């Protein structure tokens, strides 16, 4: 009899303990405690394919100069939209018209590729996809009135984002990622008094963002001229003014990954680039990764705004350095580690 009572006591104790491990949600059903919720699986950082990115630059250059109001511009747009859709993104074509400083009305399109568009935690990665309508660099010696191919100035940043899109499809994460290709960035007046003649697409998007409220990106990174051999990415002035924490964390991450020869700690001057308007109009902290060589007459590569901005200046190793750092930042952010 004593044995039966002991067994009965143990059974009752076990039953009470199991009941106390559950909480009622008011619906008559028990819910699992927070301690029993399985942890979210972290997604490893994928490998950035430099050869794929290089081929994406080649494809853009093959269309010719991507100047608004041209056939090459239209054909490239269709190809970019198709590639993003192929890589599983929800694509928004944000058409707009803008008047260039020359008085020409530009028919332009910001291309927005969204991953997990419903997610509230988001980041923004951007580049411009148009190319310069003139070869008006002071170093340019010929065909100054003809448009340039823009392999690095435009093409390289777009190529890195296309490869990131490919990796996001192959290695999905729950965090939202917006990839934006700004248009009409490079149709500005060289040496003009108004910096607002540049970055017309970024200005339009900053006043008309495709997301709002809780879906506004936490921060953004802009890529501009990120494919040249021996590129040198300094900490650009406006980036450090508006997004200092992001800049320091991103550059430290790059250096820890072994890319300190590209991402240097030197301070760079302020550049009126797309990020400036995202920072000042949209008020989203954004850093600019842009090549600033040492001791050049223009402050940029010798090929900048010349007809030498072609595939000869593109180095797949530079594309990999930038792309791998951005993938690491993106996946670490998604994993809560950045």
Protein backbone atom coordinates (compact mmCIF):
# COMPACT_ATOMS: atom_id res chain seq x y z
CA UNK A 1 0.00 0.00 0.00
CA UNK A 2 2.85 2.39 0.83
CA UNK A 3 4.41 1.61 -2.52
CA UNK A 4 1.13 2.47 -4.31
CA UNK A 5 0.88 5.79 -2.42
CA UNK A 6 4.45 6.69 -3.30
CA UNK A 7 3.85 5.91 -6.95
CA UNK A 8 0.64 7.91 -6.90
CA UNK A 9 2.50 10.87 -5.37
CA UNK A 10 5.24 10.72 -8.02
CA UNK A 11 2.71 10.59 -10.84
CA UNK A 12 0.82 13.57 -9.42
CA UNK A 13 4.05 15.55 -8.96
CA UNK A 14 5.13 14.86 -12.54
CA UNK A 15 1.73 15.90 -13.88
CA UNK A 16 1.78 19.17 -11.95
CA UNK A 17 5.30 19.93 -13.15
CA UNK A 18 4.34 19.34 -16.77
CA UNK A 19 1.30 21.57 -16.42
CA UNK A 20 3.33 24.38 -14.88
CA UNK A 21 5.71 24.29 -17.86
CA UNK A 22 2.89 25.55 -20.09
CA UNK A 23 1.01 28.82 -20.04
CA UNK A 24 -2.55 29.40 -21.15
CA UNK A 25 -3.10 31.95 -23.94
CA UNK A 26 -6.77 32.31 -23.03
CA UNK A 27 -7.96 30.08 -25.85
CA UNK A 28 -7.93 26.87 -23.84
CA UNK A 29 -4.70 25.78 -25.51
CA UNK A 30 -1.26 25.82 -23.96
CA UNK A 31 1.58 27.80 -25.49
CA UNK A 32 5.26 26.93 -25.38
CA UNK A 33 7.34 29.01 -23.01
CA UNK A 34 9.93 31.43 -24.38
CA UNK A 35 12.73 29.14 -23.19
CA UNK A 36 11.36 26.31 -25.36
CA UNK A 37 11.21 28.43 -28.59
CA UNK A 38 13.88 27.10 -30.93
CA UNK A 39 16.56 29.69 -31.77
CA UNK A 40 16.50 31.18 -35.27
CA UNK A 41 19.09 29.47 -37.43
CA UNK A 42 21.91 31.75 -38.55
CA UNK A 43 22.73 31.82 -42.25
CA UNK A 44 26.47 31.62 -43.05
CA UNK A 45 27.96 34.37 -45.20
CA UNK A 46 28.09 33.08 -48.80
CA UNK A 47 31.07 33.43 -51.10
CA UNK A 48 31.03 36.35 -53.52
CA UNK A 49 31.76 35.19 -57.07
CA UNK A 50 34.12 37.73 -58.60
CA UNK A 51 33.93 36.22 -62.09
CA UNK A 52 30.15 36.52 -62.08
CA UNK A 53 30.40 40.17 -61.06
CA UNK A 54 33.02 40.82 -63.76
CA UNK A 55 30.67 39.34 -66.38
CA UNK A 56 27.90 41.66 -65.15
CA UNK A 57 30.15 44.66 -65.82
CA UNK A 58 30.93 43.34 -69.30
CA UNK A 59 27.24 42.93 -70.11
CA UNK A 60 26.43 46.52 -69.16
CA UNK A 61 29.34 47.90 -71.19
CA UNK A 62 28.21 45.83 -74.18
CA UNK A 63 25.02 47.92 -74.36
CA UNK A 64 27.14 51.05 -74.85
CA UNK A 65 26.83 54.29 -72.83
CA UNK A 66 23.71 54.09 -70.61
CA UNK A 67 22.65 57.71 -70.99
CA UNK A 68 18.96 58.54 -70.39
CA UNK A 69 16.85 58.99 -73.55
CA UNK A 70 18.97 56.52 -75.55
CA UNK A 71 18.28 53.02 -76.86
CA UNK A 72 21.23 51.63 -74.90
CA UNK A 73 19.73 53.02 -71.70
CA UNK A 74 16.34 51.39 -72.41
CA UNK A 75 17.87 48.05 -73.37
CA UNK A 76 20.06 47.94 -70.29
CA UNK A 77 17.09 48.79 -68.07
CA UNK A 78 15.12 45.86 -69.44
CA UNK A 79 18.07 43.54 -68.87
CA UNK A 80 18.61 44.74 -65.29
CA UNK A 81 14.94 44.31 -64.40
CA UNK A 82 14.94 40.81 -65.91
CA UNK A 83 18.08 39.81 -63.97
CA UNK A 84 16.65 40.95 -60.63
CA UNK A 85 13.41 39.12 -61.34
CA UNK A 86 15.39 36.03 -62.30
CA UNK A 87 17.10 36.23 -58.89
CA UNK A 88 13.79 36.24 -57.05
CA UNK A 89 13.40 39.93 -56.24
CA UNK A 90 10.21 41.96 -56.31
CA UNK A 91 11.12 44.70 -58.78
CA UNK A 92 9.72 48.22 -58.80
CA UNK A 93 10.42 50.47 -61.80
CA UNK A 94 10.18 53.99 -60.42
CA UNK A 95 9.81 56.09 -63.58
CA UNK A 96 10.32 59.83 -63.36
CA UNK A 97 11.21 62.83 -65.47
CA UNK A 98 13.90 65.29 -64.50
CA UNK A 99 15.25 68.39 -66.19
CA UNK A 100 19.00 68.31 -66.67
CA UNK A 101 21.07 71.46 -66.25
CA UNK A 102 21.26 71.60 -70.07
CA UNK A 103 17.48 71.99 -70.23
CA UNK A 104 16.94 68.49 -71.62
CA UNK A 105 14.10 66.50 -70.04
CA UNK A 106 15.43 63.11 -68.99
CA UNK A 107 13.15 60.09 -69.01
CA UNK A 108 14.66 58.05 -66.22
CA UNK A 109 13.96 55.04 -63.99
CA UNK A 110 15.12 54.07 -60.53
CA UNK A 111 15.22 50.26 -60.41
CA UNK A 112 14.33 48.86 -56.97
CA UNK A 113 14.81 45.15 -56.20
CA UNK A 114 13.25 44.05 -52.91
CA UNK A 115 13.95 40.93 -50.89
CA UNK A 116 11.43 40.12 -48.15
CA UNK A 117 9.36 43.23 -48.92
CA UNK A 118 7.12 42.54 -45.92
CA UNK A 119 9.99 42.62 -43.40
CA UNK A 120 10.27 45.63 -41.10
CA UNK A 121 13.98 45.14 -40.42
CA UNK A 122 15.66 46.30 -43.64
CA UNK A 123 18.88 47.67 -45.07
CA UNK A 124 19.54 49.50 -48.35
CA UNK A 125 22.34 48.89 -50.88
CA UNK A 126 22.62 51.20 -53.87
CA UNK A 127 24.58 52.25 -56.96
CA UNK A 128 23.84 54.33 -60.05
CA UNK A 129 23.30 52.59 -63.37
CA UNK A 130 23.53 55.45 -65.88
CA UNK A 131 26.79 56.65 -67.43
CA UNK A 132 28.28 60.07 -68.15
CA UNK A 133 27.00 61.79 -71.34
CA UNK A 134 30.30 63.63 -71.86
CA UNK A 135 34.03 62.85 -71.59
CA UNK A 136 34.67 66.20 -69.95
CA UNK A 137 37.42 65.36 -67.48
CA UNK A 138 40.35 67.82 -67.56
CA UNK A 139 42.44 64.75 -68.38
CA UNK A 140 40.30 63.88 -71.40
CA UNK A 141 42.06 64.62 -74.67
CA UNK A 142 39.60 63.44 -77.33
CA UNK A 143 35.89 63.05 -78.11
CA UNK A 144 35.02 65.23 -75.16
CA UNK A 145 31.42 65.66 -76.28
CA UNK A 146 30.74 61.93 -76.63
CA UNK A 147 29.26 59.72 -73.87
CA UNK A 148 31.51 57.28 -72.04
CA UNK A 149 31.07 53.56 -71.35
CA UNK A 150 31.27 53.93 -67.57
CA UNK A 151 32.63 50.46 -66.80
CA UNK A 152 33.72 51.54 -63.33
CA UNK A 153 31.69 54.74 -62.90
CA UNK A 154 28.33 53.06 -62.72
CA UNK A 155 28.92 49.57 -64.06
CA UNK A 156 31.02 48.18 -61.22
CA UNK A 157 28.61 49.08 -58.43
CA UNK A 158 25.66 47.65 -60.35
CA UNK A 159 27.59 44.43 -60.98
CA UNK A 160 28.34 43.95 -57.28
CA UNK A 161 24.66 44.42 -56.42
CA UNK A 162 23.58 41.93 -59.10
CA UNK A 163 25.89 39.30 -57.63
CA UNK A 164 24.58 40.06 -54.14
CA UNK A 165 21.06 39.57 -55.50
CA UNK A 166 22.10 36.19 -56.88
CA UNK A 167 23.47 35.18 -53.49
CA UNK A 168 20.35 36.38 -51.66
CA UNK A 169 18.27 34.05 -53.79
CA UNK A 170 20.62 31.12 -53.25
CA UNK A 171 21.07 31.78 -49.52
CA UNK A 172 17.85 33.45 -48.29
CA UNK A 173 17.60 35.44 -45.08
CA UNK A 174 14.58 36.78 -43.21
CA UNK A 175 15.77 40.40 -43.09
CA UNK A 176 14.57 42.80 -45.78
CA UNK A 177 17.10 44.05 -48.33
CA UNK A 178 16.41 46.82 -50.84
CA UNK A 179 18.79 47.06 -53.80
CA UNK A 180 18.34 50.37 -55.60
CA UNK A 181 19.90 51.40 -58.89
CA UNK A 182 19.60 55.17 -59.10
CA UNK A 183 19.28 56.74 -62.53
CA UNK A 184 20.40 60.13 -63.89
CA UNK A 185 23.23 60.39 -61.39
CA UNK A 186 25.93 61.41 -63.84
CA UNK A 187 24.17 64.07 -65.95
CA UNK A 188 25.41 66.95 -63.79
CA UNK A 189 27.27 70.13 -64.65
CA UNK A 190 31.02 69.78 -64.26
CA UNK A 191 32.29 72.61 -62.10
CA UNK A 192 28.79 74.03 -61.79
CA UNK A 193 27.66 76.05 -58.80
CA UNK A 194 24.73 73.76 -57.93
CA UNK A 195 25.57 70.29 -56.68
CA UNK A 196 21.92 69.41 -57.22
CA UNK A 197 22.48 69.08 -60.98
CA UNK A 198 23.86 65.61 -60.15
CA UNK A 199 22.11 62.60 -58.57
CA UNK A 200 18.66 63.36 -59.95
CA UNK A 201 17.41 59.82 -59.36
CA UNK A 202 18.55 59.76 -55.75
CA UNK A 203 16.90 63.11 -55.15
CA UNK A 204 13.64 61.84 -56.63
CA UNK A 205 13.68 58.61 -54.61
CA UNK A 206 14.59 60.42 -51.40
CA UNK A 207 11.46 62.53 -51.78
CA UNK A 208 9.38 59.56 -52.96
CA UNK A 209 10.72 56.45 -51.19
CA UNK A 210 9.06 53.13 -51.97
CA UNK A 211 8.88 52.28 -48.25
CA UNK A 212 7.85 54.28 -45.20
CA UNK A 213 7.23 54.02 -41.49
CA UNK A 214 8.49 50.83 -39.87
CA UNK A 215 9.82 49.57 -43.22
CA UNK A 216 12.30 52.39 -43.66
CA UNK A 217 15.80 50.92 -43.99
CA UNK A 218 17.94 50.98 -40.87
CA UNK A 219 20.88 52.26 -42.93
CA UNK A 220 22.31 52.16 -46.43
CA UNK A 221 25.56 51.72 -48.34
CA UNK A 222 26.27 53.30 -51.72
CA UNK A 223 28.76 51.86 -54.22
CA UNK A 224 30.44 54.15 -56.76
CA UNK A 225 33.56 53.25 -58.75
CA UNK A 226 34.30 50.03 -56.88
CA UNK A 227 35.96 47.94 -59.60
CA UNK A 228 39.32 49.46 -60.53
CA UNK A 229 42.62 47.75 -59.87
CA UNK A 230 44.20 48.93 -56.61
CA UNK A 231 41.13 50.91 -55.57
CA UNK A 232 41.43 52.90 -52.36
CA UNK A 233 38.28 53.53 -50.32
CA UNK A 234 38.68 56.34 -47.82
CA UNK A 235 36.16 57.42 -45.20
CA UNK A 236 34.24 60.03 -47.18
CA UNK A 237 33.32 63.21 -45.27
CA UNK A 238 29.50 63.18 -45.59
CA UNK A 239 29.45 59.48 -44.74
CA UNK A 240 31.30 60.12 -41.49
CA UNK A 241 29.06 63.09 -40.70
CA UNK A 242 25.73 61.32 -41.20
CA UNK A 243 26.61 57.66 -40.61
CA UNK A 244 29.77 57.60 -38.46
CA UNK A 245 28.99 54.38 -36.60
CA UNK A 246 28.22 52.54 -39.82
CA UNK A 247 31.41 53.74 -41.49
CA UNK A 248 33.62 52.70 -38.59
CA UNK A 249 31.99 49.27 -38.24
CA UNK A 250 32.09 48.62 -41.99
CA UNK A 251 35.73 49.63 -42.42
CA UNK A 252 36.74 47.62 -39.34
CA UNK A 253 34.90 44.58 -40.71
CA UNK A 254 36.69 44.94 -44.06
CA UNK A 255 40.07 45.23 -42.38
CA UNK A 256 39.40 42.21 -40.16
CA UNK A 257 38.53 40.26 -43.31
CA UNK A 258 41.93 41.08 -44.83
CA UNK A 259 40.84 43.91 -47.13
CA UNK A 260 42.64 46.73 -45.33
CA UNK A 261 44.61 47.53 -48.49
CA UNK A 262 41.31 48.63 -50.05
CA UNK A 263 39.43 50.04 -47.03
CA UNK A 264 41.88 52.54 -45.56
CA UNK A 265 41.36 54.67 -42.45
CA UNK A 266 42.23 57.94 -44.19
CA UNK A 267 39.60 60.68 -44.20
CA UNK A 268 38.33 61.77 -47.60
CA UNK A 269 36.72 65.01 -48.66
CA UNK A 270 32.98 65.43 -49.12
CA UNK A 271 31.53 64.20 -52.42
CA UNK A 272 28.12 65.11 -53.81
CA UNK A 273 27.05 61.57 -54.53
CA UNK A 274 23.71 59.77 -54.25
CA UNK A 275 24.27 59.11 -50.54
CA UNK A 276 24.31 62.84 -49.78
CA UNK A 277 20.64 63.20 -50.74
CA UNK A 278 19.60 59.95 -49.07
CA UNK A 279 21.19 61.31 -45.89
CA UNK A 280 19.83 64.85 -46.09
CA UNK A 281 16.40 64.35 -47.70
CA UNK A 282 15.33 60.80 -46.83
CA UNK A 283 17.31 61.00 -43.57
CA UNK A 284 18.51 57.43 -43.80
CA UNK A 285 22.14 57.04 -42.65
CA UNK A 286 24.16 56.03 -45.70
CA UNK A 287 27.88 55.48 -46.29
CA UNK A 288 29.62 55.88 -49.65
CA UNK A 289 32.23 53.36 -50.79
CA UNK A 290 34.07 55.25 -53.53
CA UNK A 291 37.58 55.02 -54.97
CA UNK A 292 39.83 57.96 -54.01
CA UNK A 293 43.38 57.39 -55.32
CA UNK A 294 46.30 59.32 -53.88
CA UNK A 295 47.70 62.37 -55.68
CA UNK A 296 45.49 62.60 -58.74
CA UNK A 297 44.50 65.82 -60.47
CA UNK A 298 40.80 65.11 -60.32
CA UNK A 299 40.66 63.30 -56.97
CA UNK A 300 39.46 60.18 -58.78
CA UNK A 301 41.09 57.64 -61.09
CA UNK A 302 42.78 58.97 -64.22
CA UNK A 303 40.11 57.21 -66.31
CA UNK A 304 37.24 59.09 -64.56
CA UNK A 305 34.92 60.85 -67.06
CA UNK A 306 37.14 59.82 -69.96
CA UNK A 307 36.82 57.18 -72.67
CA UNK A 308 39.35 55.11 -70.77
CA UNK A 309 36.62 54.10 -68.33
CA UNK A 310 36.26 50.73 -70.06
CA UNK A 311 36.83 47.07 -69.19
CA UNK A 312 40.59 47.60 -69.10
CA UNK A 313 40.30 49.33 -65.70
CA UNK A 314 38.13 46.62 -64.09
CA UNK A 315 39.80 44.16 -61.71
CA UNK A 316 37.78 41.15 -60.51
CA UNK A 317 39.75 41.13 -57.24
CA UNK A 318 38.47 44.60 -56.35
CA UNK A 319 34.91 43.57 -57.15
CA UNK A 320 35.34 40.57 -54.84
CA UNK A 321 36.75 42.67 -52.00
CA UNK A 322 33.80 45.06 -52.03
CA UNK A 323 31.21 42.38 -52.65
CA UNK A 324 32.48 40.02 -49.96
CA UNK A 325 32.53 42.80 -47.38
CA UNK A 326 28.96 43.81 -48.25
CA UNK A 327 27.78 40.20 -48.08
CA UNK A 328 29.43 39.85 -44.67
CA UNK A 329 27.78 43.04 -43.45
CA UNK A 330 24.36 41.99 -44.78
CA UNK A 331 24.37 38.45 -43.41
CA UNK A 332 25.85 39.49 -40.08
CA UNK A 333 23.16 42.14 -39.76
CA UNK A 334 20.53 39.50 -40.50
CA UNK A 335 22.12 37.22 -37.88
CA UNK A 336 22.27 40.03 -35.30
CA UNK A 337 26.07 40.09 -35.37
CA UNK A 338 26.92 43.40 -37.09
